[in-house]
């Protein structure tokens, strides 16, 4: 399992399209928003938590199709499916690799991008906490969507249509936690709900993704 995690991390860094693309998209989005809505500090402060969360969500979405696609193309996925390691464990490791190369970097650079959007000082801690608790759910749900569409030609659009509705609760609670924290309000409740969503996806999505892979590999 550790060897598989190292392999996926190395592929994400070397192959491109996953590690750097999401960060670049996140940066470009946060840079362009002030040009689109205007430089008014009050407006930017109000929309900053939502914009940062939408940017993180879309950045995660960009690299989802690569979770299983490369392994499917070179035949490694068939070997993993017949290996002694449970396929549920394989899907969980691949979701972890996606989070380490996408979700975690996005969480770390979000405070710096919050400066561009005039995020209030009170909101930085809550923003990081909400992203740290919510982005694992994005990777786990994305792994399930990638397993459903693996092997399909031009499956990226279908993957987006399948995954985006499942992302909505995470987006709502994550943005609310950051927004309430930035406004000086109690943000514990949305954070707890966000943690519950991540825990629920961790319990269910590896099994759902493994079942989808078994069906597609028949």
N, C-alpha and C. Protein backbone atom coordinates (compact mmCIF):
# COMPACT_ATOMS: atom_id res chain seq x y z
N UNK A 1 0.83 -1.20 0.00
CA UNK A 1 0.00 0.00 0.00
C UNK A 1 0.87 1.26 0.00
N UNK A 2 1.94 1.22 0.80
CA UNK A 2 2.85 2.37 0.84
C UNK A 2 3.55 2.54 -0.50
N UNK A 3 3.93 1.42 -1.12
CA UNK A 3 4.58 1.49 -2.43
C UNK A 3 3.62 2.06 -3.47
N UNK A 4 2.35 1.71 -3.41
CA UNK A 4 1.36 2.25 -4.34
C UNK A 4 1.18 3.74 -4.12
N UNK A 5 1.17 4.16 -2.86
CA UNK A 5 1.05 5.59 -2.57
C UNK A 5 2.24 6.36 -3.11
N UNK A 6 3.43 5.83 -2.90
CA UNK A 6 4.63 6.50 -3.42
C UNK A 6 4.59 6.57 -4.95
N UNK A 7 4.17 5.51 -5.57
CA UNK A 7 4.08 5.48 -7.04
C UNK A 7 3.12 6.54 -7.55
N UNK A 8 1.94 6.63 -6.94
CA UNK A 8 0.95 7.62 -7.40
C UNK A 8 1.43 9.04 -7.15
N UNK A 9 2.10 9.27 -6.04
CA UNK A 9 2.64 10.60 -5.78
C UNK A 9 3.70 10.97 -6.81
N UNK A 10 4.57 10.01 -7.15
CA UNK A 10 5.61 10.28 -8.14
C UNK A 10 5.00 10.55 -9.51
N UNK A 11 3.97 9.78 -9.88
CA UNK A 11 3.32 10.00 -11.17
C UNK A 11 2.63 11.36 -11.22
N UNK A 12 2.01 11.76 -10.12
CA UNK A 12 1.31 13.05 -10.10
C UNK A 12 2.28 14.20 -10.27
N UNK A 13 3.47 14.08 -9.69
CA UNK A 13 4.46 15.16 -9.78
C UNK A 13 5.15 15.17 -11.14
N UNK A 14 5.47 13.98 -11.66
CA UNK A 14 6.25 13.90 -12.89
C UNK A 14 5.40 14.04 -14.14
N UNK A 15 4.22 13.43 -14.13
CA UNK A 15 3.42 13.40 -15.35
C UNK A 15 2.79 14.74 -15.69
N UNK A 16 2.60 15.59 -14.69
CA UNK A 16 1.95 16.88 -14.93
C UNK A 16 0.45 16.72 -15.09
N UNK A 17 -0.24 17.83 -15.15
CA UNK A 17 -1.68 17.79 -15.33
C UNK A 17 -2.45 17.58 -14.04
N UNK A 18 -1.79 17.23 -12.94
CA UNK A 18 -2.48 17.01 -11.71
C UNK A 18 -1.98 17.95 -10.63
N UNK A 19 -0.71 17.79 -10.28
CA UNK A 19 -0.15 18.55 -9.17
C UNK A 19 -0.12 20.05 -9.46
N UNK A 20 0.41 20.44 -10.63
CA UNK A 20 0.57 21.86 -10.92
C UNK A 20 -0.65 22.52 -11.51
N UNK A 21 -1.46 21.75 -12.25
CA UNK A 21 -2.60 22.36 -12.94
C UNK A 21 -3.63 22.90 -11.97
N UNK A 22 -3.93 22.13 -10.92
CA UNK A 22 -4.92 22.60 -9.95
C UNK A 22 -4.48 23.85 -9.23
N UNK A 23 -3.20 23.90 -8.83
CA UNK A 23 -2.69 25.09 -8.16
C UNK A 23 -2.70 26.30 -9.08
N UNK A 24 -2.32 26.09 -10.35
CA UNK A 24 -2.31 27.19 -11.30
C UNK A 24 -3.72 27.72 -11.54
N UNK A 25 -4.69 26.82 -11.66
CA UNK A 25 -6.08 27.24 -11.86
C UNK A 25 -6.59 28.03 -10.65
N UNK A 26 -6.27 27.55 -9.45
CA UNK A 26 -6.69 28.24 -8.23
C UNK A 26 -6.12 29.65 -8.18
N UNK A 27 -4.85 29.77 -8.52
CA UNK A 27 -4.20 31.08 -8.52
C UNK A 27 -4.82 32.01 -9.55
N UNK A 28 -5.03 31.52 -10.77
CA UNK A 28 -5.59 32.36 -11.84
C UNK A 28 -6.99 32.82 -11.47
N UNK A 29 -7.79 31.93 -10.91
CA UNK A 29 -9.16 32.29 -10.52
C UNK A 29 -9.15 33.42 -9.49
N UNK A 30 -8.31 33.28 -8.46
CA UNK A 30 -8.28 34.30 -7.40
C UNK A 30 -7.71 35.63 -7.90
N UNK A 31 -6.84 35.58 -8.89
CA UNK A 31 -6.30 36.81 -9.46
C UNK A 31 -7.33 37.51 -10.33
N UNK A 32 -8.14 36.74 -11.06
CA UNK A 32 -9.09 37.33 -12.00
C UNK A 32 -10.36 37.85 -11.34
N UNK A 33 -10.75 37.28 -10.22
CA UNK A 33 -12.01 37.70 -9.58
C UNK A 33 -12.02 39.19 -9.25
N UNK A 34 -10.98 39.77 -8.66
CA UNK A 34 -11.03 41.22 -8.40
C UNK A 34 -11.18 42.06 -9.66
N UNK A 35 -10.65 41.58 -10.80
CA UNK A 35 -10.84 42.32 -12.05
C UNK A 35 -12.29 42.24 -12.52
N UNK A 36 -12.95 41.13 -12.22
CA UNK A 36 -14.33 40.96 -12.68
C UNK A 36 -15.36 41.66 -11.83
N UNK A 37 -15.18 41.64 -10.51
CA UNK A 37 -16.20 42.21 -9.61
C UNK A 37 -15.83 43.61 -9.14
N UNK A 38 -14.61 44.03 -9.39
CA UNK A 38 -14.20 45.37 -8.97
C UNK A 38 -13.31 45.31 -7.74
N UNK A 39 -12.60 46.40 -7.47
CA UNK A 39 -11.64 46.41 -6.36
C UNK A 39 -12.23 46.80 -5.01
N UNK A 40 -13.56 46.93 -4.91
CA UNK A 40 -14.15 47.35 -3.64
C UNK A 40 -13.85 46.33 -2.55
N UNK A 41 -13.24 46.78 -1.47
CA UNK A 41 -12.81 45.87 -0.40
C UNK A 41 -14.00 45.20 0.27
N UNK A 42 -15.11 45.93 0.44
CA UNK A 42 -16.27 45.35 1.12
C UNK A 42 -16.86 44.18 0.33
N UNK A 43 -16.95 44.36 -0.98
CA UNK A 43 -17.51 43.29 -1.82
C UNK A 43 -16.59 42.07 -1.81
N UNK A 44 -15.29 42.30 -1.98
CA UNK A 44 -14.34 41.19 -2.00
C UNK A 44 -14.33 40.44 -0.66
N UNK A 45 -14.42 41.17 0.44
CA UNK A 45 -14.43 40.51 1.74
C UNK A 45 -15.65 39.62 1.91
N UNK A 46 -16.78 40.07 1.38
CA UNK A 46 -18.01 39.30 1.53
C UNK A 46 -18.00 38.02 0.70
N UNK A 47 -17.44 38.09 -0.51
CA UNK A 47 -17.49 36.93 -1.40
C UNK A 47 -16.24 36.06 -1.32
N UNK A 48 -15.21 36.49 -0.59
CA UNK A 48 -13.94 35.77 -0.57
C UNK A 48 -14.07 34.32 -0.12
N UNK A 49 -14.78 34.01 0.98
CA UNK A 49 -14.86 32.59 1.38
C UNK A 49 -15.49 31.70 0.32
N UNK A 50 -16.57 32.18 -0.29
CA UNK A 50 -17.21 31.38 -1.32
C UNK A 50 -16.34 31.21 -2.55
N UNK A 51 -15.67 32.27 -2.98
CA UNK A 51 -14.81 32.19 -4.16
C UNK A 51 -13.66 31.22 -3.90
N UNK A 52 -13.05 31.29 -2.73
CA UNK A 52 -11.94 30.40 -2.41
C UNK A 52 -12.39 28.94 -2.37
N UNK A 53 -13.56 28.70 -1.86
CA UNK A 53 -14.04 27.32 -1.81
C UNK A 53 -14.43 26.81 -3.20
N UNK A 54 -15.05 27.65 -4.00
CA UNK A 54 -15.38 27.25 -5.37
C UNK A 54 -14.11 26.98 -6.16
N UNK A 55 -13.10 27.83 -5.98
CA UNK A 55 -11.84 27.62 -6.66
C UNK A 55 -11.18 26.31 -6.26
N UNK A 56 -11.20 26.00 -4.96
CA UNK A 56 -10.62 24.74 -4.50
C UNK A 56 -11.39 23.55 -5.05
N UNK A 57 -12.70 23.64 -5.09
CA UNK A 57 -13.52 22.55 -5.61
C UNK A 57 -13.22 22.30 -7.08
N UNK A 58 -13.21 23.35 -7.89
CA UNK A 58 -12.96 23.19 -9.31
C UNK A 58 -11.52 22.73 -9.58
N UNK A 59 -10.58 23.17 -8.76
CA UNK A 59 -9.20 22.73 -8.91
C UNK A 59 -9.07 21.23 -8.65
N UNK A 60 -9.78 20.74 -7.64
CA UNK A 60 -9.80 19.29 -7.39
C UNK A 60 -10.43 18.54 -8.56
N UNK A 61 -11.46 19.12 -9.13
CA UNK A 61 -12.18 18.47 -10.22
C UNK A 61 -11.31 18.28 -11.45
N UNK A 62 -10.35 19.17 -11.67
CA UNK A 62 -9.54 19.12 -12.88
C UNK A 62 -8.75 17.83 -13.03
N UNK A 63 -8.29 17.28 -11.92
CA UNK A 63 -7.39 16.12 -12.00
C UNK A 63 -8.05 14.81 -11.62
N UNK A 64 -9.37 14.79 -11.48
CA UNK A 64 -10.03 13.56 -11.04
C UNK A 64 -9.91 12.43 -12.05
N UNK A 65 -9.99 12.75 -13.35
CA UNK A 65 -9.97 11.69 -14.35
C UNK A 65 -8.64 10.96 -14.41
N UNK A 66 -7.59 11.52 -13.80
CA UNK A 66 -6.28 10.90 -13.81
C UNK A 66 -6.08 9.91 -12.66
N UNK A 67 -7.05 9.78 -11.77
CA UNK A 67 -6.89 8.89 -10.62
C UNK A 67 -6.71 7.45 -11.07
N UNK A 68 -7.55 7.02 -12.01
CA UNK A 68 -7.47 5.64 -12.51
C UNK A 68 -7.12 5.54 -13.99
N UNK A 69 -7.13 6.66 -14.71
CA UNK A 69 -6.99 6.59 -16.17
C UNK A 69 -5.64 6.03 -16.59
N UNK A 70 -4.56 6.50 -15.99
CA UNK A 70 -3.24 6.03 -16.38
C UNK A 70 -3.05 4.55 -16.09
N UNK A 71 -3.55 4.09 -14.96
CA UNK A 71 -3.46 2.67 -14.62
C UNK A 71 -4.31 1.82 -15.56
N UNK A 72 -5.43 2.35 -15.99
CA UNK A 72 -6.28 1.61 -16.91
C UNK A 72 -5.62 1.49 -18.29
N UNK A 73 -4.96 2.55 -18.71
CA UNK A 73 -4.35 2.55 -20.04
C UNK A 73 -3.17 1.60 -20.13
N UNK A 74 -2.35 1.51 -19.10
CA UNK A 74 -1.17 0.64 -19.18
C UNK A 74 -1.39 -0.75 -18.59
N UNK A 75 -2.61 -1.05 -18.18
CA UNK A 75 -2.92 -2.39 -17.68
C UNK A 75 -2.64 -2.59 -16.20
N UNK A 76 -2.14 -1.58 -15.52
CA UNK A 76 -1.83 -1.74 -14.10
C UNK A 76 -3.09 -1.95 -13.26
N UNK A 77 -4.20 -1.39 -13.71
CA UNK A 77 -5.43 -1.51 -12.94
C UNK A 77 -5.90 -2.97 -12.88
N UNK A 78 -5.72 -3.72 -13.97
CA UNK A 78 -6.08 -5.14 -13.96
C UNK A 78 -5.22 -5.92 -12.97
N UNK A 79 -3.94 -5.57 -12.91
CA UNK A 79 -3.06 -6.24 -11.95
C UNK A 79 -3.45 -5.90 -10.52
N UNK A 80 -3.79 -4.64 -10.28
CA UNK A 80 -4.20 -4.24 -8.93
C UNK A 80 -5.50 -4.93 -8.52
N UNK A 81 -6.40 -5.13 -9.50
CA UNK A 81 -7.67 -5.78 -9.19
C UNK A 81 -7.50 -7.24 -8.81
N UNK A 82 -6.43 -7.89 -9.31
CA UNK A 82 -6.19 -9.30 -8.99
C UNK A 82 -5.11 -9.49 -7.92
N UNK A 83 -4.59 -8.40 -7.39
CA UNK A 83 -3.55 -8.48 -6.37
C UNK A 83 -4.15 -8.89 -5.03
N UNK A 84 -3.32 -9.38 -4.11
CA UNK A 84 -3.83 -9.74 -2.78
C UNK A 84 -4.39 -8.56 -1.99
N UNK A 85 -3.97 -7.35 -2.34
CA UNK A 85 -4.47 -6.15 -1.65
C UNK A 85 -5.93 -5.93 -2.03
N UNK A 86 -6.81 -5.70 -1.07
CA UNK A 86 -8.22 -5.44 -1.41
C UNK A 86 -8.36 -4.23 -2.31
N UNK A 87 -9.27 -4.31 -3.27
CA UNK A 87 -9.47 -3.20 -4.20
C UNK A 87 -10.00 -1.96 -3.47
N UNK A 88 -10.70 -2.16 -2.37
CA UNK A 88 -11.15 -1.02 -1.56
C UNK A 88 -9.95 -0.26 -1.00
N UNK A 89 -8.93 -0.98 -0.58
CA UNK A 89 -7.72 -0.33 -0.10
C UNK A 89 -7.00 0.42 -1.20
N UNK A 90 -7.02 -0.14 -2.41
CA UNK A 90 -6.38 0.53 -3.55
C UNK A 90 -7.07 1.85 -3.84
N UNK A 91 -8.39 1.84 -3.87
CA UNK A 91 -9.12 3.08 -4.15
C UNK A 91 -8.91 4.11 -3.05
N UNK A 92 -8.84 3.66 -1.80
CA UNK A 92 -8.58 4.60 -0.70
C UNK A 92 -7.19 5.22 -0.81
N UNK A 93 -6.20 4.42 -1.18
CA UNK A 93 -4.84 4.94 -1.34
C UNK A 93 -4.77 5.93 -2.49
N UNK A 94 -5.45 5.64 -3.57
CA UNK A 94 -5.44 6.55 -4.71
C UNK A 94 -6.15 7.87 -4.37
N UNK A 95 -7.22 7.79 -3.59
CA UNK A 95 -7.87 9.02 -3.14
C UNK A 95 -6.95 9.81 -2.21
N UNK A 96 -6.20 9.10 -1.37
CA UNK A 96 -5.25 9.78 -0.49
C UNK A 96 -4.14 10.46 -1.30
N UNK A 97 -3.65 9.78 -2.33
CA UNK A 97 -2.62 10.38 -3.18
C UNK A 97 -3.16 11.62 -3.89
N UNK A 98 -4.41 11.57 -4.33
CA UNK A 98 -5.01 12.74 -4.97
C UNK A 98 -5.12 13.89 -3.98
N UNK A 99 -5.51 13.59 -2.73
CA UNK A 99 -5.61 14.67 -1.73
C UNK A 99 -4.25 15.25 -1.41
N UNK A 100 -3.23 14.41 -1.29
CA UNK A 100 -1.90 14.90 -0.96
C UNK A 100 -1.31 15.78 -2.05
N UNK A 101 -1.68 15.53 -3.30
CA UNK A 101 -1.12 16.31 -4.41
C UNK A 101 -2.05 17.43 -4.87
N UNK A 102 -3.27 17.45 -4.37
CA UNK A 102 -4.22 18.49 -4.80
C UNK A 102 -4.85 19.19 -3.60
N UNK A 103 -5.56 18.45 -2.77
CA UNK A 103 -6.27 19.06 -1.66
C UNK A 103 -5.38 19.71 -0.63
N UNK A 104 -4.31 19.03 -0.25
CA UNK A 104 -3.40 19.59 0.75
C UNK A 104 -2.68 20.84 0.25
N UNK A 105 -2.10 20.84 -0.96
CA UNK A 105 -1.49 22.08 -1.46
C UNK A 105 -2.47 23.23 -1.57
N UNK A 106 -3.70 22.95 -2.00
CA UNK A 106 -4.71 24.00 -2.09
C UNK A 106 -5.01 24.59 -0.71
N UNK A 107 -5.07 23.72 0.30
CA UNK A 107 -5.31 24.18 1.67
C UNK A 107 -4.18 25.08 2.15
N UNK A 108 -2.96 24.74 1.80
CA UNK A 108 -1.80 25.49 2.27
C UNK A 108 -1.66 26.85 1.60
N UNK A 109 -2.03 26.94 0.31
CA UNK A 109 -1.85 28.22 -0.38
C UNK A 109 -3.09 29.11 -0.29
N UNK A 110 -4.21 28.58 0.22
CA UNK A 110 -5.44 29.37 0.29
C UNK A 110 -5.29 30.65 1.11
N UNK A 111 -4.60 30.64 2.26
CA UNK A 111 -4.45 31.91 3.00
C UNK A 111 -3.74 32.99 2.19
N UNK A 112 -2.72 32.60 1.43
CA UNK A 112 -2.03 33.59 0.60
C UNK A 112 -2.93 34.17 -0.46
N UNK A 113 -3.79 33.34 -1.05
CA UNK A 113 -4.72 33.83 -2.06
C UNK A 113 -5.86 34.62 -1.42
N UNK A 114 -6.13 34.34 -0.16
CA UNK A 114 -7.14 35.12 0.53
C UNK A 114 -6.77 36.58 0.65
N UNK A 115 -5.47 36.87 0.67
CA UNK A 115 -5.03 38.27 0.71
C UNK A 115 -5.48 39.00 -0.55
N UNK A 116 -5.44 38.32 -1.70
CA UNK A 116 -5.86 38.94 -2.96
C UNK A 116 -7.34 39.29 -2.94
N UNK A 117 -8.12 38.54 -2.18
CA UNK A 117 -9.56 38.77 -2.12
C UNK A 117 -9.98 39.53 -0.87
N UNK A 118 -9.00 40.09 -0.14
CA UNK A 118 -9.28 40.89 1.05
C UNK A 118 -10.09 40.11 2.09
N UNK A 119 -9.73 38.86 2.28
CA UNK A 119 -10.39 38.05 3.30
C UNK A 119 -10.08 38.62 4.67
N UNK A 120 -11.10 38.83 5.53
CA UNK A 120 -10.84 39.36 6.87
C UNK A 120 -9.88 38.48 7.65
N UNK A 121 -9.12 39.11 8.53
CA UNK A 121 -8.10 38.38 9.29
C UNK A 121 -8.71 37.26 10.13
N UNK A 122 -9.93 37.47 10.60
CA UNK A 122 -10.57 36.44 11.43
C UNK A 122 -10.90 35.18 10.65
N UNK A 123 -10.92 35.27 9.32
CA UNK A 123 -11.37 34.14 8.52
C UNK A 123 -10.28 33.18 8.08
N UNK A 124 -9.02 33.53 8.25
CA UNK A 124 -7.95 32.68 7.73
C UNK A 124 -7.90 31.32 8.42
N UNK A 125 -7.98 31.32 9.73
CA UNK A 125 -7.93 30.06 10.46
C UNK A 125 -9.11 29.17 10.09
N UNK A 126 -10.30 29.76 10.00
CA UNK A 126 -11.49 28.99 9.66
C UNK A 126 -11.45 28.50 8.22
N UNK A 127 -10.87 29.30 7.34
CA UNK A 127 -10.73 28.87 5.94
C UNK A 127 -9.83 27.64 5.84
N UNK A 128 -8.68 27.69 6.50
CA UNK A 128 -7.76 26.55 6.47
C UNK A 128 -8.40 25.33 7.11
N UNK A 129 -9.10 25.52 8.23
CA UNK A 129 -9.73 24.40 8.91
C UNK A 129 -10.82 23.77 8.04
N UNK A 130 -11.62 24.62 7.39
CA UNK A 130 -12.69 24.07 6.54
C UNK A 130 -12.13 23.33 5.33
N UNK A 131 -11.08 23.86 4.73
CA UNK A 131 -10.47 23.16 3.59
C UNK A 131 -9.80 21.86 4.03
N UNK A 132 -9.14 21.89 5.18
CA UNK A 132 -8.48 20.68 5.67
C UNK A 132 -9.50 19.58 5.96
N UNK A 133 -10.68 19.95 6.45
CA UNK A 133 -11.71 18.96 6.75
C UNK A 133 -12.54 18.58 5.53
N UNK A 134 -12.66 19.49 4.57
CA UNK A 134 -13.56 19.25 3.44
C UNK A 134 -12.91 18.66 2.21
N UNK A 135 -11.66 19.00 1.93
CA UNK A 135 -11.03 18.51 0.70
C UNK A 135 -10.85 16.98 0.67
N UNK A 136 -10.67 16.28 1.82
CA UNK A 136 -10.66 14.82 1.72
C UNK A 136 -11.96 14.25 1.15
N UNK A 137 -13.08 14.85 1.49
CA UNK A 137 -14.36 14.40 0.92
C UNK A 137 -14.39 14.61 -0.59
N UNK A 138 -13.80 15.72 -1.06
CA UNK A 138 -13.77 15.98 -2.51
C UNK A 138 -12.96 14.91 -3.22
N UNK A 139 -11.83 14.51 -2.65
CA UNK A 139 -11.00 13.48 -3.28
C UNK A 139 -11.68 12.11 -3.25
N UNK A 140 -12.33 11.77 -2.15
CA UNK A 140 -13.00 10.47 -2.04
C UNK A 140 -14.19 10.37 -2.98
N UNK A 141 -15.00 11.42 -3.03
CA UNK A 141 -16.12 11.42 -3.96
C UNK A 141 -15.61 11.40 -5.39
N UNK A 142 -14.53 12.15 -5.66
CA UNK A 142 -13.95 12.16 -6.99
C UNK A 142 -13.42 10.81 -7.40
N UNK A 143 -12.85 10.04 -6.46
CA UNK A 143 -12.37 8.70 -6.77
C UNK A 143 -13.54 7.80 -7.18
N UNK A 144 -14.66 7.96 -6.53
CA UNK A 144 -15.86 7.19 -6.92
C UNK A 144 -16.31 7.56 -8.33
N UNK A 145 -16.35 8.86 -8.62
CA UNK A 145 -16.74 9.27 -9.97
C UNK A 145 -15.75 8.81 -11.02
N UNK A 146 -14.45 8.85 -10.70
CA UNK A 146 -13.43 8.39 -11.65
C UNK A 146 -13.56 6.89 -11.89
N UNK A 147 -13.92 6.13 -10.85
CA UNK A 147 -14.11 4.69 -11.02
C UNK A 147 -15.32 4.39 -11.91
N UNK A 148 -16.35 5.21 -11.82
CA UNK A 148 -17.54 4.99 -12.67
C UNK A 148 -17.24 5.25 -14.13
N UNK A 149 -16.36 6.18 -14.43
CA UNK A 149 -16.13 6.59 -15.82
C UNK A 149 -14.82 6.07 -16.37
N UNK A 150 -14.09 5.23 -15.65
CA UNK A 150 -12.80 4.75 -16.14
C UNK A 150 -13.01 3.94 -17.42
N UNK A 151 -12.16 4.18 -18.38
CA UNK A 151 -12.25 3.47 -19.65
C UNK A 151 -13.16 4.11 -20.67
N UNK A 152 -13.94 5.10 -20.28
CA UNK A 152 -14.82 5.77 -21.23
C UNK A 152 -14.05 6.84 -22.00
N UNK A 153 -14.28 6.91 -23.30
CA UNK A 153 -13.66 7.97 -24.08
C UNK A 153 -14.36 9.29 -23.79
N UNK A 154 -13.55 10.32 -23.58
CA UNK A 154 -14.07 11.64 -23.24
C UNK A 154 -14.99 11.57 -22.03
N UNK A 155 -14.54 10.86 -21.02
CA UNK A 155 -15.35 10.71 -19.82
C UNK A 155 -15.24 11.87 -18.85
N UNK A 156 -14.41 12.87 -19.18
CA UNK A 156 -14.23 13.99 -18.27
C UNK A 156 -15.51 14.77 -18.03
N UNK A 157 -16.28 15.03 -19.08
CA UNK A 157 -17.53 15.77 -18.93
C UNK A 157 -18.53 14.96 -18.12
N UNK A 158 -18.65 13.67 -18.40
CA UNK A 158 -19.56 12.83 -17.63
C UNK A 158 -19.14 12.77 -16.17
N UNK A 159 -17.84 12.70 -15.93
CA UNK A 159 -17.34 12.69 -14.56
C UNK A 159 -17.75 13.95 -13.82
N UNK A 160 -17.63 15.10 -14.48
CA UNK A 160 -18.03 16.37 -13.86
C UNK A 160 -19.52 16.38 -13.53
N UNK A 161 -20.34 15.89 -14.45
CA UNK A 161 -21.78 15.87 -14.22
C UNK A 161 -22.17 14.94 -13.08
N UNK A 162 -21.41 13.85 -12.92
CA UNK A 162 -21.72 12.91 -11.85
C UNK A 162 -21.27 13.43 -10.49
N UNK A 163 -20.12 14.08 -10.47
CA UNK A 163 -19.49 14.43 -9.20
C UNK A 163 -20.00 15.75 -8.63
N UNK A 164 -20.25 16.72 -9.49
CA UNK A 164 -20.61 18.05 -9.00
C UNK A 164 -21.84 18.05 -8.08
N UNK A 165 -22.93 17.33 -8.39
CA UNK A 165 -24.04 17.33 -7.43
C UNK A 165 -23.66 16.76 -6.07
N UNK A 166 -22.75 15.79 -6.04
CA UNK A 166 -22.31 15.21 -4.77
C UNK A 166 -21.39 16.16 -4.00
N UNK A 167 -20.80 17.11 -4.71
CA UNK A 167 -19.92 18.08 -4.07
C UNK A 167 -20.69 19.20 -3.37
N UNK A 168 -21.95 19.38 -3.69
CA UNK A 168 -22.71 20.54 -3.20
C UNK A 168 -22.75 20.63 -1.68
N UNK A 169 -23.07 19.54 -0.94
CA UNK A 169 -23.09 19.68 0.53
C UNK A 169 -21.74 20.10 1.11
N UNK A 170 -20.66 19.53 0.58
CA UNK A 170 -19.33 19.91 1.07
C UNK A 170 -19.06 21.38 0.80
N UNK A 171 -19.44 21.85 -0.39
CA UNK A 171 -19.25 23.26 -0.73
C UNK A 171 -20.05 24.17 0.20
N UNK A 172 -21.28 23.80 0.47
CA UNK A 172 -22.14 24.64 1.31
C UNK A 172 -21.58 24.76 2.72
N UNK A 173 -21.27 23.64 3.34
CA UNK A 173 -20.78 23.68 4.72
C UNK A 173 -19.38 24.28 4.80
N UNK A 174 -18.53 24.01 3.81
CA UNK A 174 -17.18 24.58 3.83
C UNK A 174 -17.20 26.09 3.68
N UNK A 175 -17.99 26.59 2.72
CA UNK A 175 -18.08 28.03 2.51
C UNK A 175 -18.74 28.71 3.69
N UNK A 176 -19.74 28.05 4.29
CA UNK A 176 -20.41 28.64 5.44
C UNK A 176 -19.47 28.73 6.65
N UNK A 177 -18.66 27.71 6.85
CA UNK A 177 -17.72 27.74 7.96
C UNK A 177 -16.72 28.88 7.80
N UNK A 178 -16.18 29.04 6.59
CA UNK A 178 -15.22 30.11 6.34
C UNK A 178 -15.89 31.48 6.44
N UNK A 179 -17.10 31.60 5.90
CA UNK A 179 -17.80 32.89 5.91
C UNK A 179 -18.20 33.29 7.33
N UNK A 180 -18.71 32.34 8.09
CA UNK A 180 -19.11 32.66 9.47
C UNK A 180 -17.89 33.00 10.33
N UNK A 181 -16.80 32.29 10.11
CA UNK A 181 -15.58 32.62 10.84
C UNK A 181 -15.05 33.99 10.49
N UNK A 182 -15.11 34.35 9.20
CA UNK A 182 -14.65 35.67 8.77
C UNK A 182 -15.52 36.78 9.33
N UNK A 183 -16.81 36.49 9.55
CA UNK A 183 -17.73 37.49 10.10
C UNK A 183 -17.70 37.54 11.62
N UNK A 184 -16.87 36.73 12.24
CA UNK A 184 -16.81 36.71 13.70
C UNK A 184 -17.92 35.93 14.36
N UNK A 185 -18.62 35.10 13.60
CA UNK A 185 -19.71 34.29 14.14
C UNK A 185 -19.21 32.90 14.48
N UNK A 186 -20.05 32.13 15.14
CA UNK A 186 -19.70 30.75 15.51
C UNK A 186 -19.70 29.88 14.26
N UNK A 187 -18.55 29.25 13.98
CA UNK A 187 -18.42 28.41 12.79
C UNK A 187 -18.20 26.95 13.14
N UNK A 188 -18.41 26.58 14.39
CA UNK A 188 -18.16 25.21 14.82
C UNK A 188 -19.16 24.24 14.20
N UNK A 189 -20.42 24.64 14.13
CA UNK A 189 -21.45 23.74 13.62
C UNK A 189 -21.20 23.33 12.17
N UNK A 190 -20.96 24.26 11.23
CA UNK A 190 -20.66 23.81 9.87
C UNK A 190 -19.37 23.01 9.77
N UNK A 191 -18.40 23.30 10.64
CA UNK A 191 -17.16 22.51 10.63
C UNK A 191 -17.43 21.08 11.08
N UNK A 192 -18.28 20.90 12.09
CA UNK A 192 -18.63 19.56 12.55
C UNK A 192 -19.37 18.79 11.46
N UNK A 193 -20.30 19.46 10.79
CA UNK A 193 -21.02 18.82 9.69
C UNK A 193 -20.07 18.47 8.55
N UNK A 194 -19.10 19.34 8.29
CA UNK A 194 -18.12 19.08 7.25
C UNK A 194 -17.26 17.87 7.61
N UNK A 195 -16.84 17.79 8.85
CA UNK A 195 -16.08 16.62 9.30
C UNK A 195 -16.91 15.35 9.20
N UNK A 196 -18.20 15.46 9.50
CA UNK A 196 -19.08 14.30 9.36
C UNK A 196 -19.20 13.84 7.92
N UNK A 197 -19.27 14.80 6.99
CA UNK A 197 -19.32 14.44 5.57
C UNK A 197 -18.05 13.71 5.14
N UNK A 198 -16.91 14.21 5.57
CA UNK A 198 -15.64 13.56 5.21
C UNK A 198 -15.56 12.17 5.82
N UNK A 199 -15.99 12.02 7.07
CA UNK A 199 -15.97 10.71 7.70
C UNK A 199 -16.93 9.74 6.99
N UNK A 200 -18.09 10.25 6.60
CA UNK A 200 -19.04 9.40 5.88
C UNK A 200 -18.52 8.94 4.53
N UNK A 201 -17.91 9.86 3.79
CA UNK A 201 -17.35 9.47 2.49
C UNK A 201 -16.18 8.50 2.67
N UNK A 202 -15.39 8.67 3.72
CA UNK A 202 -14.29 7.74 3.97
C UNK A 202 -14.81 6.33 4.25
N UNK A 203 -15.97 6.25 4.90
CA UNK A 203 -16.54 4.95 5.23
C UNK A 203 -17.21 4.28 4.03
N UNK A 204 -17.74 5.08 3.10
CA UNK A 204 -18.56 4.51 2.03
C UNK A 204 -17.89 4.51 0.65
N UNK A 205 -17.21 5.59 0.31
CA UNK A 205 -16.75 5.76 -1.06
C UNK A 205 -15.71 4.74 -1.53
N UNK A 206 -14.75 4.31 -0.69
CA UNK A 206 -13.83 3.27 -1.18
C UNK A 206 -14.55 1.99 -1.61
N UNK A 207 -15.59 1.59 -0.91
CA UNK A 207 -16.35 0.40 -1.28
C UNK A 207 -17.15 0.63 -2.55
N UNK A 208 -17.75 1.83 -2.67
CA UNK A 208 -18.51 2.14 -3.88
C UNK A 208 -17.59 2.22 -5.09
N UNK A 209 -16.42 2.85 -4.93
CA UNK A 209 -15.47 2.95 -6.04
C UNK A 209 -14.95 1.58 -6.44
N UNK A 210 -14.65 0.72 -5.46
CA UNK A 210 -14.17 -0.62 -5.78
C UNK A 210 -15.23 -1.43 -6.53
N UNK A 211 -16.49 -1.29 -6.12
CA UNK A 211 -17.56 -1.99 -6.84
C UNK A 211 -17.69 -1.49 -8.27
N UNK A 212 -17.56 -0.18 -8.47
CA UNK A 212 -17.62 0.37 -9.83
C UNK A 212 -16.46 -0.12 -10.68
N UNK A 213 -15.27 -0.21 -10.09
CA UNK A 213 -14.11 -0.71 -10.83
C UNK A 213 -14.30 -2.16 -11.23
N UNK A 214 -14.84 -2.98 -10.35
CA UNK A 214 -15.05 -4.39 -10.67
C UNK A 214 -16.01 -4.53 -11.84
N UNK A 215 -17.03 -3.70 -11.88
CA UNK A 215 -17.99 -3.76 -12.98
C UNK A 215 -17.33 -3.33 -14.29
N UNK A 216 -16.53 -2.29 -14.26
CA UNK A 216 -15.90 -1.79 -15.49
C UNK A 216 -14.78 -2.68 -16.00
N UNK A 217 -14.19 -3.48 -15.12
CA UNK A 217 -13.09 -4.34 -15.52
C UNK A 217 -13.53 -5.74 -15.96
N UNK A 218 -14.81 -5.99 -15.90
CA UNK A 218 -15.30 -7.31 -16.34
C UNK A 218 -15.20 -7.45 -17.86
